Amino acid sequence: EGDLGVGKTVFAKGFAEGLGITEPVTSPTFTMI
């Protein structure tokens, strides 16, 4: 949770890195997932 522009996608990119994911992480705003 957080307002628009607060850094949720940046956090998600780091979260993915912690899982060992190396592909680019983008916001699923229009695809929902």
Full PDB file with SEQRES, HELIX, SHEET, SSBOND, CRYST1, ORIGX, SCALE, CONECT and MASTER records, all heavy atoms in Angstrom:
SEQRES   1 A   33  GLU GLY ASP LEU GLY VAL GLY LYS THR VAL PHE ALA LYS          
SEQRES   2 A   33  GLY PHE ALA GLU GLY LEU GLY ILE THR GLU PRO VAL THR          
SEQRES   3 A   33  SER PRO THR PHE THR MET ILE                                  
HELIX    1 AA1 LYS A    8  GLY A   18  1                                  11    
CRYST1    1.000    1.000    1.000  90.00  90.00  90.00 P 1           1          
ORIGX1      1.000000  0.000000  0.000000        0.00000                         
ORIGX2      0.000000  1.000000  0.000000        0.00000                         
ORIGX3      0.000000  0.000000  1.000000        0.00000                         
SCALE1      1.000000  0.000000  0.000000        0.00000                         
SCALE2      0.000000  1.000000  0.000000        0.00000                         
SCALE3      0.000000  0.000000  1.000000        0.00000                         
ATOM      1  N   GLU A   1       0.834  -1.200   0.000  1.00  0.00           N  
ATOM      2  CA  GLU A   1       0.000   0.000   0.000  1.00  0.00           C  
ATOM      3  C   GLU A   1       0.867   1.248   0.000  1.00  0.00           C  
ATOM      4  O   GLU A   1       1.965   1.253   0.572  1.00  0.00           O  
ATOM      5  CB  GLU A   1      -0.912   0.015   1.230  1.00  0.00           C  
ATOM      6  CG  GLU A   1      -1.893  -1.148   1.314  1.00  0.00           C  
ATOM      7  CD  GLU A   1      -3.072  -1.046   0.365  1.00  0.00           C  
ATOM      8  OE1 GLU A   1      -3.292   0.044  -0.223  1.00  0.00           O  
ATOM      9  OE2 GLU A   1      -3.776  -2.046   0.206  1.00  0.00           O  
ATOM     10  N   GLY A   2       0.363   2.298  -0.617  1.00  0.00           N  
ATOM     11  CA  GLY A   2       1.050   3.586  -0.648  1.00  0.00           C  
ATOM     12  C   GLY A   2       0.476   4.435  -1.764  1.00  0.00           C  
ATOM     13  O   GLY A   2      -0.078   3.916  -2.730  1.00  0.00           O  
ATOM     14  N   ASP A   3       0.609   5.731  -1.614  1.00  0.00           N  
ATOM     15  CA  ASP A   3       0.096   6.660  -2.621  1.00  0.00           C  
ATOM     16  C   ASP A   3       0.802   6.466  -3.957  1.00  0.00           C  
ATOM     17  O   ASP A   3       1.879   5.872  -4.027  1.00  0.00           O  
ATOM     18  CB  ASP A   3       0.306   8.111  -2.158  1.00  0.00           C  
ATOM     19  CG  ASP A   3      -0.550   8.464  -0.951  1.00  0.00           C  
ATOM     20  OD1 ASP A   3      -1.606   7.817  -0.745  1.00  0.00           O  
ATOM     21  OD2 ASP A   3      -0.155   9.386  -0.209  1.00  0.00           O  
ATOM     22  N   LEU A   4       0.206   7.008  -5.009  1.00  0.00           N  
ATOM     23  CA  LEU A   4       0.838   6.995  -6.320  1.00  0.00           C  
ATOM     24  C   LEU A   4       2.194   7.687  -6.229  1.00  0.00           C  
ATOM     25  O   LEU A   4       2.331   8.735  -5.592  1.00  0.00           O  
ATOM     26  CB  LEU A   4      -0.039   7.723  -7.350  1.00  0.00           C  
ATOM     27  CG  LEU A   4      -1.329   7.024  -7.759  1.00  0.00           C  
ATOM     28  CD1 LEU A   4      -2.203   7.971  -8.582  1.00  0.00           C  
ATOM     29  CD2 LEU A   4      -1.039   5.769  -8.534  1.00  0.00           C  
ATOM     30  N   GLY A   5       3.207   7.092  -6.847  1.00  0.00           N  
ATOM     31  CA  GLY A   5       4.524   7.696  -6.895  1.00  0.00           C  
ATOM     32  C   GLY A   5       5.361   7.556  -5.636  1.00  0.00           C  
ATOM     33  O   GLY A   5       6.410   8.180  -5.516  1.00  0.00           O  
ATOM     34  N   VAL A   6       4.918   6.722  -4.686  1.00  0.00           N  
ATOM     35  CA  VAL A   6       5.639   6.595  -3.423  1.00  0.00           C  
ATOM     36  C   VAL A   6       6.820   5.618  -3.508  1.00  0.00           C  
ATOM     37  O   VAL A   6       7.694   5.625  -2.651  1.00  0.00           O  
ATOM     38  CB  VAL A   6       4.667   6.221  -2.281  1.00  0.00           C  
ATOM     39  CG1 VAL A   6       4.334   4.743  -2.304  1.00  0.00           C  
ATOM     40  CG2 VAL A   6       5.205   6.612  -0.938  1.00  0.00           C  
ATOM     41  N   GLY A   7       6.835   4.775  -4.551  1.00  0.00           N  
ATOM     42  CA  GLY A   7       7.952   3.839  -4.707  1.00  0.00           C  
ATOM     43  C   GLY A   7       7.566   2.368  -4.622  1.00  0.00           C  
ATOM     44  O   GLY A   7       8.426   1.518  -4.388  1.00  0.00           O  
ATOM     45  N   LYS A   8       6.308   2.063  -4.847  1.00  0.00           N  
ATOM     46  CA  LYS A   8       5.868   0.664  -4.779  1.00  0.00           C  
ATOM     47  C   LYS A   8       6.554  -0.192  -5.841  1.00  0.00           C  
ATOM     48  O   LYS A   8       6.972  -1.321  -5.550  1.00  0.00           O  
ATOM     49  CB  LYS A   8       4.333   0.570  -4.924  1.00  0.00           C  
ATOM     50  CG  LYS A   8       3.575   1.155  -3.748  1.00  0.00           C  
ATOM     51  CD  LYS A   8       2.079   0.983  -3.857  1.00  0.00           C  
ATOM     52  CE  LYS A   8       1.450   1.636  -5.047  1.00  0.00           C  
ATOM     53  NZ  LYS A   8       1.504   3.093  -5.062  1.00  0.00           N  
ATOM     54  N   THR A   9       6.715   0.330  -7.047  1.00  0.00           N  
ATOM     55  CA  THR A   9       7.371  -0.451  -8.105  1.00  0.00           C  
ATOM     56  C   THR A   9       8.853  -0.626  -7.798  1.00  0.00           C  
ATOM     57  O   THR A   9       9.409  -1.701  -8.030  1.00  0.00           O  
ATOM     58  CB  THR A   9       7.148   0.203  -9.481  1.00  0.00           C  
ATOM     59  OG1 THR A   9       5.733   0.252  -9.745  1.00  0.00           O  
ATOM     60  CG2 THR A   9       7.822  -0.597 -10.581  1.00  0.00           C  
ATOM     61  N   VAL A  10       9.499   0.381  -7.254  1.00  0.00           N  
ATOM     62  CA  VAL A  10      10.907   0.253  -6.861  1.00  0.00           C  
ATOM     63  C   VAL A  10      11.040  -0.836  -5.805  1.00  0.00           C  
ATOM     64  O   VAL A  10      11.922  -1.698  -5.881  1.00  0.00           O  
ATOM     65  CB  VAL A  10      11.462   1.601  -6.338  1.00  0.00           C  
ATOM     66  CG1 VAL A  10      12.842   1.424  -5.720  1.00  0.00           C  
ATOM     67  CG2 VAL A  10      11.495   2.630  -7.449  1.00  0.00           C  
ATOM     68  N   PHE A  11      10.151  -0.821  -4.812  1.00  0.00           N  
ATOM     69  CA  PHE A  11      10.172  -1.851  -3.775  1.00  0.00           C  
ATOM     70  C   PHE A  11       9.976  -3.231  -4.403  1.00  0.00           C  
ATOM     71  O   PHE A  11      10.679  -4.184  -4.067  1.00  0.00           O  
ATOM     72  CB  PHE A  11       9.082  -1.577  -2.741  1.00  0.00           C  
ATOM     73  CG  PHE A  11       9.085  -2.541  -1.600  1.00  0.00           C  
ATOM     74  CD1 PHE A  11       9.834  -2.288  -0.471  1.00  0.00           C  
ATOM     75  CD2 PHE A  11       8.354  -3.724  -1.665  1.00  0.00           C  
ATOM     76  CE1 PHE A  11       9.861  -3.194   0.587  1.00  0.00           C  
ATOM     77  CE2 PHE A  11       8.380  -4.634  -0.630  1.00  0.00           C  
ATOM     78  CZ  PHE A  11       9.132  -4.373   0.501  1.00  0.00           C  
ATOM     79  N   ALA A  12       9.009  -3.327  -5.337  1.00  0.00           N  
ATOM     80  CA  ALA A  12       8.729  -4.609  -6.000  1.00  0.00           C  
ATOM     81  C   ALA A  12       9.942  -5.110  -6.778  1.00  0.00           C  
ATOM     82  O   ALA A  12      10.220  -6.314  -6.796  1.00  0.00           O  
ATOM     83  CB  ALA A  12       7.519  -4.479  -6.929  1.00  0.00           C  
ATOM     84  N   LYS A  13      10.686  -4.210  -7.404  1.00  0.00           N  
ATOM     85  CA  LYS A  13      11.904  -4.602  -8.132  1.00  0.00           C  
ATOM     86  C   LYS A  13      12.916  -5.220  -7.170  1.00  0.00           C  
ATOM     87  O   LYS A  13      13.526  -6.246  -7.462  1.00  0.00           O  
ATOM     88  CB  LYS A  13      12.519  -3.402  -8.851  1.00  0.00           C  
ATOM     89  CG  LYS A  13      11.730  -2.959 -10.054  1.00  0.00           C  
ATOM     90  CD  LYS A  13      12.342  -1.723 -10.694  1.00  0.00           C  
ATOM     91  CE  LYS A  13      11.505  -1.283 -11.876  1.00  0.00           C  
ATOM     92  NZ  LYS A  13      12.085  -0.131 -12.575  1.00  0.00           N  
ATOM     93  N   GLY A  14      13.103  -4.589  -6.012  1.00  0.00           N  
ATOM     94  CA  GLY A  14      14.014  -5.129  -5.019  1.00  0.00           C  
ATOM     95  C   GLY A  14      13.532  -6.464  -4.475  1.00  0.00           C  
ATOM     96  O   GLY A  14      14.318  -7.404  -4.294  1.00  0.00           O  
ATOM     97  N   PHE A  15      12.238  -6.573  -4.233  1.00  0.00           N  
ATOM     98  CA  PHE A  15      11.627  -7.808  -3.735  1.00  0.00           C  
ATOM     99  C   PHE A  15      11.910  -8.949  -4.717  1.00  0.00           C  
ATOM    100  O   PHE A  15      12.313 -10.039  -4.323  1.00  0.00           O  
ATOM    101  CB  PHE A  15      10.117  -7.571  -3.584  1.00  0.00           C  
ATOM    102  CG  PHE A  15       9.365  -8.623  -2.843  1.00  0.00           C  
ATOM    103  CD1 PHE A  15       9.254  -8.577  -1.462  1.00  0.00           C  
ATOM    104  CD2 PHE A  15       8.732  -9.647  -3.524  1.00  0.00           C  
ATOM    105  CE1 PHE A  15       8.523  -9.545  -0.781  1.00  0.00           C  
ATOM    106  CE2 PHE A  15       8.010 -10.615  -2.854  1.00  0.00           C  
ATOM    107  CZ  PHE A  15       7.904 -10.562  -1.470  1.00  0.00           C  
ATOM    108  N   ALA A  16      11.724  -8.660  -6.003  1.00  0.00           N  
ATOM    109  CA  ALA A  16      11.986  -9.657  -7.047  1.00  0.00           C  
ATOM    110  C   ALA A  16      13.464 -10.050  -7.060  1.00  0.00           C  
ATOM    111  O   ALA A  16      13.795 -11.234  -7.184  1.00  0.00           O  
ATOM    112  CB  ALA A  16      11.557  -9.125  -8.410  1.00  0.00           C  
ATOM    113  N   GLU A  17      14.360  -9.073  -6.936  1.00  0.00           N  
ATOM    114  CA  GLU A  17      15.792  -9.374  -6.878  1.00  0.00           C  
ATOM    115  C   GLU A  17      16.100 -10.321  -5.727  1.00  0.00           C  
ATOM    116  O   GLU A  17      16.902 -11.241  -5.861  1.00  0.00           O  
ATOM    117  CB  GLU A  17      16.610  -8.096  -6.720  1.00  0.00           C  
ATOM    118  CG  GLU A  17      16.728  -7.274  -7.963  1.00  0.00           C  
ATOM    119  CD  GLU A  17      17.548  -6.001  -7.740  1.00  0.00           C  
ATOM    120  OE1 GLU A  17      18.255  -5.893  -6.705  1.00  0.00           O  
ATOM    121  OE2 GLU A  17      17.472  -5.110  -8.603  1.00  0.00           O  
ATOM    122  N   GLY A  18      15.451 -10.095  -4.583  1.00  0.00           N  
ATOM    123  CA  GLY A  18      15.654 -10.948  -3.422  1.00  0.00           C  
ATOM    124  C   GLY A  18      15.199 -12.380  -3.653  1.00  0.00           C  
ATOM    125  O   GLY A  18      15.676 -13.307  -2.997  1.00  0.00           O  
ATOM    126  N   LEU A  19      14.285 -12.564  -4.590  1.00  0.00           N  
ATOM    127  CA  LEU A  19      13.822 -13.901  -4.972  1.00  0.00           C  
ATOM    128  C   LEU A  19      14.699 -14.522  -6.053  1.00  0.00           C  
ATOM    129  O   LEU A  19      14.468 -15.653  -6.462  1.00  0.00           O  
ATOM    130  CB  LEU A  19      12.372 -13.837  -5.475  1.00  0.00           C  
ATOM    131  CG  LEU A  19      11.306 -13.555  -4.424  1.00  0.00           C  
ATOM    132  CD1 LEU A  19       9.977 -13.220  -5.090  1.00  0.00           C  
ATOM    133  CD2 LEU A  19      11.166 -14.734  -3.482  1.00  0.00           C  
ATOM    134  N   GLY A  20      15.681 -13.767  -6.536  1.00  0.00           N  
ATOM    135  CA  GLY A  20      16.561 -14.266  -7.592  1.00  0.00           C  
ATOM    136  C   GLY A  20      16.039 -14.019  -8.992  1.00  0.00           C  
ATOM    137  O   GLY A  20      16.514 -14.620  -9.960  1.00  0.00           O  
ATOM    138  N   ILE A  21      15.083 -13.125  -9.127  1.00  0.00           N  
ATOM    139  CA  ILE A  21      14.508 -12.795 -10.433  1.00  0.00           C  
ATOM    140  C   ILE A  21      15.373 -11.714 -11.077  1.00  0.00           C  
ATOM    141  O   ILE A  21      15.624 -10.672 -10.474  1.00  0.00           O  
ATOM    142  CB  ILE A  21      13.044 -12.338 -10.276  1.00  0.00           C  
ATOM    143  CG1 ILE A  21      12.208 -13.510  -9.751  1.00  0.00           C  
ATOM    144  CG2 ILE A  21      12.483 -11.785 -11.584  1.00  0.00           C  
ATOM    145  CD1 ILE A  21      10.840 -13.123  -9.241  1.00  0.00           C  
ATOM    146  N   THR A  22      15.829 -11.981 -12.309  1.00  0.00           N  
ATOM    147  CA  THR A  22      16.704 -11.025 -12.985  1.00  0.00           C  
ATOM    148  C   THR A  22      16.020 -10.306 -14.142  1.00  0.00           C  
ATOM    149  O   THR A  22      16.539  -9.309 -14.632  1.00  0.00           O  
ATOM    150  CB  THR A  22      17.970 -11.737 -13.521  1.00  0.00           C  
ATOM    151  OG1 THR A  22      17.574 -12.781 -14.408  1.00  0.00           O  
ATOM    152  CG2 THR A  22      18.794 -12.308 -12.379  1.00  0.00           C  
ATOM    153  N   GLU A  23      14.859 -10.801 -14.584  1.00  0.00           N  
ATOM    154  CA  GLU A  23      14.175 -10.123 -15.687  1.00  0.00           C  
ATOM    155  C   GLU A  23      13.616  -8.788 -15.201  1.00  0.00           C  
ATOM    156  O   GLU A  23      13.393  -8.599 -14.003  1.00  0.00           O  
ATOM    157  CB  GLU A  23      13.075 -11.011 -16.275  1.00  0.00           C  
ATOM    158  CG  GLU A  23      11.921 -11.296 -15.333  1.00  0.00           C  
ATOM    159  CD  GLU A  23      10.922 -12.262 -15.935  1.00  0.00           C  
ATOM    160  OE1 GLU A  23      10.117 -11.817 -16.776  1.00  0.00           O  
ATOM    161  OE2 GLU A  23      10.941 -13.436 -15.560  1.00  0.00           O  
ATOM    162  N   PRO A  24      13.386  -7.843 -16.108  1.00  0.00           N  
ATOM    163  CA  PRO A  24      12.868  -6.530 -15.711  1.00  0.00           C  
ATOM    164  C   PRO A  24      11.497  -6.650 -15.043  1.00  0.00           C  
ATOM    165  O   PRO A  24      10.625  -7.387 -15.503  1.00  0.00           O  
ATOM    166  CB  PRO A  24      12.756  -5.774 -17.039  1.00  0.00           C  
ATOM    167  CG  PRO A  24      13.647  -6.498 -17.986  1.00  0.00           C  
ATOM    168  CD  PRO A  24      13.657  -7.930 -17.539  1.00  0.00           C  
ATOM    169  N   VAL A  25      11.331  -5.933 -13.951  1.00  0.00           N  
ATOM    170  CA  VAL A  25      10.063  -5.902 -13.221  1.00  0.00           C  
ATOM    171  C   VAL A  25       9.382  -4.581 -13.540  1.00  0.00           C  
ATOM    172  O   VAL A  25       9.975  -3.518 -13.394  1.00  0.00           O  
ATOM    173  CB  VAL A  25      10.293  -6.049 -11.700  1.00  0.00           C  
ATOM    174  CG1 VAL A  25       9.012  -5.833 -10.925  1.00  0.00           C  
ATOM    175  CG2 VAL A  25      10.892  -7.422 -11.398  1.00  0.00           C  
ATOM    176  N   THR A  26       8.138  -4.676 -13.993  1.00  0.00           N  
ATOM    177  CA  THR A  26       7.364  -3.487 -14.328  1.00  0.00           C  
ATOM    178  C   THR A  26       6.056  -3.502 -13.560  1.00  0.00           C  
ATOM    179  O   THR A  26       5.610  -4.547 -13.097  1.00  0.00           O  
ATOM    180  CB  THR A  26       7.059  -3.427 -15.836  1.00  0.00           C  
ATOM    181  OG1 THR A  26       6.330  -4.607 -16.205  1.00  0.00           O  
ATOM    182  CG2 THR A  26       8.336  -3.335 -16.658  1.00  0.00           C  
ATOM    183  N   SER A  27       5.454  -2.353 -13.432  1.00  0.00           N  
ATOM    184  CA  SER A  27       4.174  -2.261 -12.742  1.00  0.00           C  
ATOM    185  C   SER A  27       3.088  -2.924 -13.579  1.00  0.00           C  
ATOM    186  O   SER A  27       2.976  -2.666 -14.776  1.00  0.00           O  
ATOM    187  CB  SER A  27       3.799  -0.799 -12.501  1.00  0.00           C  
ATOM    188  OG  SER A  27       2.529  -0.731 -11.890  1.00  0.00           O  
ATOM    189  N   PRO A  28       2.285  -3.781 -12.951  1.00  0.00           N  
ATOM    190  CA  PRO A  28       1.197  -4.433 -13.691  1.00  0.00           C  
ATOM    191  C   PRO A  28      -0.085  -3.604 -13.736  1.00  0.00           C  
ATOM    192  O   PRO A  28      -1.183  -4.143 -13.769  1.00  0.00           O  
ATOM    193  CB  PRO A  28       1.000  -5.736 -12.905  1.00  0.00           C  
ATOM    194  CG  PRO A  28       1.381  -5.391 -11.513  1.00  0.00           C  
ATOM    195  CD  PRO A  28       2.470  -4.347 -11.627  1.00  0.00           C  
ATOM    196  N   THR A  29       0.034  -2.283 -13.759  1.00  0.00           N  
ATOM    197  CA  THR A  29      -1.127  -1.402 -13.694  1.00  0.00           C  
ATOM    198  C   THR A  29      -2.175  -1.730 -14.747  1.00  0.00           C  
ATOM    199  O   THR A  29      -3.368  -1.749 -14.459  1.00  0.00           O  
ATOM    200  CB  THR A  29      -0.696   0.070 -13.830  1.00  0.00           C  
ATOM    201  OG1 THR A  29       0.208   0.372 -12.762  1.00  0.00           O  
ATOM    202  CG2 THR A  29      -1.884   1.002 -13.779  1.00  0.00           C  
ATOM    203  N   PHE A  30      -1.773  -2.010 -15.961  1.00  0.00           N  
ATOM    204  CA  PHE A  30      -2.751  -2.232 -17.026  1.00  0.00           C  
ATOM    205  C   PHE A  30      -3.043  -3.707 -17.265  1.00  0.00           C  
ATOM    206  O   PHE A  30      -4.072  -4.053 -17.828  1.00  0.00           O  
ATOM    207  CB  PHE A  30      -2.288  -1.550 -18.320  1.00  0.00           C  
ATOM    208  CG  PHE A  30      -2.238  -0.056 -18.170  1.00  0.00           C  
ATOM    209  CD1 PHE A  30      -1.031   0.594 -17.965  1.00  0.00           C  
ATOM    210  CD2 PHE A  30      -3.398   0.699 -18.176  1.00  0.00           C  
ATOM    211  CE1 PHE A  30      -0.981   1.969 -17.796  1.00  0.00           C  
ATOM    212  CE2 PHE A  30      -3.366   2.065 -18.006  1.00  0.00           C  
ATOM    213  CZ  PHE A  30      -2.145   2.706 -17.807  1.00  0.00           C  
ATOM    214  N   THR A  31      -2.160  -4.595 -16.833  1.00  0.00           N  
ATOM    215  CA  THR A  31      -2.392  -6.032 -17.022  1.00  0.00           C  
ATOM    216  C   THR A  31      -2.983  -6.679 -15.777  1.00  0.00           C  
ATOM    217  O   THR A  31      -3.449  -7.796 -15.825  1.00  0.00           O  
ATOM    218  CB  THR A  31      -1.072  -6.755 -17.354  1.00  0.00           C  
ATOM    219  OG1 THR A  31      -0.147  -6.542 -16.287  1.00  0.00           O  
ATOM    220  CG2 THR A  31      -0.486  -6.261 -18.659  1.00  0.00           C  
ATOM    221  N   MET A  32      -2.934  -6.005 -14.657  1.00  0.00           N  
ATOM    222  CA  MET A  32      -3.380  -6.442 -13.331  1.00  0.00           C  
ATOM    223  C   MET A  32      -2.479  -7.493 -12.697  1.00  0.00           C  
ATOM    224  O   MET A  32      -2.470  -7.629 -11.494  1.00  0.00           O  
ATOM    225  CB  MET A  32      -4.837  -6.900 -13.323  1.00  0.00           C  
ATOM    226  CG  MET A  32      -5.770  -5.755 -13.576  1.00  0.00           C  
ATOM    227  SD  MET A  32      -7.285  -5.681 -12.639  1.00  0.00           S  
ATOM    228  CE  MET A  32      -8.112  -7.170 -12.966  1.00  0.00           C  
ATOM    229  N   ILE A  33      -1.737  -8.258 -13.485  1.00  0.00           N  
ATOM    230  CA  ILE A  33      -0.811  -9.222 -12.896  1.00  0.00           C  
ATOM    231  C   ILE A  33       0.390  -9.431 -13.809  1.00  0.00           C  
ATOM    232  O   ILE A  33       0.254  -9.472 -15.025  1.00  0.00           O  
ATOM    233  CB  ILE A  33      -1.486 -10.575 -12.593  1.00  0.00           C  
ATOM    234  CG1 ILE A  33      -0.491 -11.512 -11.892  1.00  0.00           C  
ATOM    235  CG2 ILE A  33      -2.069 -11.212 -13.820  1.00  0.00           C  
ATOM    236  CD1 ILE A  33      -1.097 -12.748 -11.301  1.00  0.00           C  
TER     237      ILE A  33                                                      
MASTER        0    0    0    1    0    0    0    6  236    1    0    3          
END                                                                             
